[in-house]
Amino acid sequence: MFTSVHTSEMTLRRLGAGRRPGLIARLLLARRLRREMTALANLDDRLLNDVGLNRHEALRAAELPEWDAPAHWRA
């Protein structure tokens, strides 16, 4: 799960510093974020505890729309 966030960051860096990613890049990043949030919501309570979340927080985060994610998740 965390590897793809790092991959997203690398993808954006390859686009060039200061450049806004194109539509396709943004759609791919939104899709990746949605998959990661779904995976987070599907973790068991022990693993959620390891990352400092409880079940309610994970489910609430999974319900957020992709554009409402914190900036450091998207870049």
C-alpha atoms as a PDB file:
ATOM      1  CA  MET A   1       0.000   0.000   0.000  1.00  0.00           C
ATOM      2  CA  PHE A   2       2.675   2.519   0.942  1.00  0.00           C
ATOM      3  CA  THR A   3       4.867   1.662  -2.025  1.00  0.00           C
ATOM      4  CA  SER A   4       2.322   3.059  -4.470  1.00  0.00           C
ATOM      5  CA  VAL A   5       2.170   6.398  -2.613  1.00  0.00           C
ATOM      6  CA  HIS A   6       5.943   6.626  -3.031  1.00  0.00           C
ATOM      7  CA  THR A   7       5.527   5.671  -6.689  1.00  0.00           C
ATOM      8  CA  SER A   8       2.966   8.459  -7.086  1.00  0.00           C
ATOM      9  CA  GLU A   9       5.468  10.939  -5.727  1.00  0.00           C
ATOM     10  CA  MET A  10       8.108   9.721  -8.139  1.00  0.00           C
ATOM     11  CA  THR A  11       5.648   9.965 -11.043  1.00  0.00           C
ATOM     12  CA  LEU A  12       4.875  13.579 -10.205  1.00  0.00           C
ATOM     13  CA  ARG A  13       8.567  14.430  -9.850  1.00  0.00           C
ATOM     14  CA  ARG A  14       9.241  12.998 -13.298  1.00  0.00           C
ATOM     15  CA  LEU A  15       6.636  15.386 -14.694  1.00  0.00           C
ATOM     16  CA  GLY A  16       8.874  18.245 -13.630  1.00  0.00           C
ATOM     17  CA  ALA A  17       9.111  20.442 -10.596  1.00  0.00           C
ATOM     18  CA  GLY A  18       6.458  23.126 -10.559  1.00  0.00           C
ATOM     19  CA  ARG A  19       4.514  21.662 -13.456  1.00  0.00           C
ATOM     20  CA  ARG A  20       0.934  20.723 -12.881  1.00  0.00           C
ATOM     21  CA  PRO A  21       0.272  17.093 -13.845  1.00  0.00           C
ATOM     22  CA  GLY A  22      -1.928  16.548 -16.868  1.00  0.00           C
ATOM     23  CA  LEU A  23      -5.429  15.144 -16.797  1.00  0.00           C
ATOM     24  CA  ILE A  24      -4.398  11.532 -17.356  1.00  0.00           C
ATOM     25  CA  ALA A  25      -1.722  11.696 -14.644  1.00  0.00           C
ATOM     26  CA  ARG A  26      -4.236  13.191 -12.202  1.00  0.00           C
ATOM     27  CA  LEU A  27      -6.833  10.532 -13.033  1.00  0.00           C
ATOM     28  CA  LEU A  28      -4.271   7.759 -12.535  1.00  0.00           C
ATOM     29  CA  LEU A  29      -3.197   9.246  -9.203  1.00  0.00           C
ATOM     30  CA  ALA A  30      -6.836   9.555  -8.083  1.00  0.00           C
ATOM     31  CA  ARG A  31      -7.454   5.921  -9.024  1.00  0.00           C
ATOM     32  CA  ARG A  32      -4.356   4.810  -7.132  1.00  0.00           C
ATOM     33  CA  LEU A  33      -5.397   6.821  -4.073  1.00  0.00           C
ATOM     34  CA  ARG A  34      -8.869   5.233  -4.164  1.00  0.00           C
ATOM     35  CA  ARG A  35      -7.319   1.736  -4.238  1.00  0.00           C
ATOM     36  CA  GLU A  36      -5.035   2.594  -1.322  1.00  0.00           C
ATOM     37  CA  MET A  37      -7.873   3.982   0.772  1.00  0.00           C
ATOM     38  CA  THR A  38      -9.976   0.883   0.061  1.00  0.00           C
ATOM     39  CA  ALA A  39      -7.040  -1.300   1.102  1.00  0.00           C
ATOM     40  CA  LEU A  40      -6.660   0.754   4.283  1.00  0.00           C
ATOM     41  CA  ALA A  41     -10.319   0.224   5.152  1.00  0.00           C
ATOM     42  CA  ASN A  42      -9.873  -3.525   4.644  1.00  0.00           C
ATOM     43  CA  LEU A  43      -6.947  -3.880   7.063  1.00  0.00           C
ATOM     44  CA  ASP A  44      -7.637  -5.757  10.285  1.00  0.00           C
ATOM     45  CA  ASP A  45      -7.653  -3.920  13.606  1.00  0.00           C
ATOM     46  CA  ARG A  46      -4.157  -5.110  14.551  1.00  0.00           C
ATOM     47  CA  LEU A  47      -2.614  -3.638  11.395  1.00  0.00           C
ATOM     48  CA  LEU A  48      -4.613  -0.428  11.731  1.00  0.00           C
ATOM     49  CA  ASN A  49      -3.285  -0.104  15.267  1.00  0.00           C
ATOM     50  CA  ASP A  50       0.253  -0.467  13.881  1.00  0.00           C
ATOM     51  CA  VAL A  51      -0.253   2.612  11.693  1.00  0.00           C
ATOM     52  CA  GLY A  52      -1.974   4.539  14.482  1.00  0.00           C
ATOM     53  CA  LEU A  53      -5.580   4.351  13.262  1.00  0.00           C
ATOM     54  CA  ASN A  54      -8.727   2.753  14.575  1.00  0.00           C
ATOM     55  CA  ARG A  55     -11.502   1.164  12.513  1.00  0.00           C
ATOM     56  CA  HIS A  56     -13.677   4.305  12.549  1.00  0.00           C
ATOM     57  CA  GLU A  57     -10.827   6.527  11.292  1.00  0.00           C
ATOM     58  CA  ALA A  58      -9.943   4.092   8.499  1.00  0.00           C
ATOM     59  CA  LEU A  59     -13.538   3.851   7.311  1.00  0.00           C
ATOM     60  CA  ARG A  60     -13.961   7.617   7.460  1.00  0.00           C
ATOM     61  CA  ALA A  61     -10.772   8.115   5.424  1.00  0.00           C
ATOM     62  CA  ALA A  62     -11.945   5.567   2.842  1.00  0.00           C
ATOM     63  CA  GLU A  63     -15.166   7.529   2.358  1.00  0.00           C
ATOM     64  CA  LEU A  64     -13.360  10.764   1.485  1.00  0.00           C
ATOM     65  CA  PRO A  65     -13.398  11.744  -2.173  1.00  0.00           C
ATOM     66  CA  GLU A  66     -10.024  11.653  -3.905  1.00  0.00           C
ATOM     67  CA  TRP A  67      -9.847  15.436  -4.236  1.00  0.00           C
ATOM     68  CA  ASP A  68     -10.312  15.838  -0.469  1.00  0.00           C
ATOM     69  CA  ALA A  69      -7.146  13.918   0.398  1.00  0.00           C
ATOM     70  CA  PRO A  70      -4.311  15.822   2.095  1.00  0.00           C
ATOM     71  CA  ALA A  71      -1.851  17.362  -0.336  1.00  0.00           C
ATOM     72  CA  HIS A  72       1.045  15.194   0.872  1.00  0.00           C
ATOM     73  CA  TRP A  73      -0.960  12.092  -0.154  1.00  0.00           C
ATOM     74  CA  ARG A  74      -1.434  13.429  -3.664  1.00  0.00           C
ATOM     75  CA  ALA A  75       2.078  14.698  -4.322  1.00  0.00           C
END
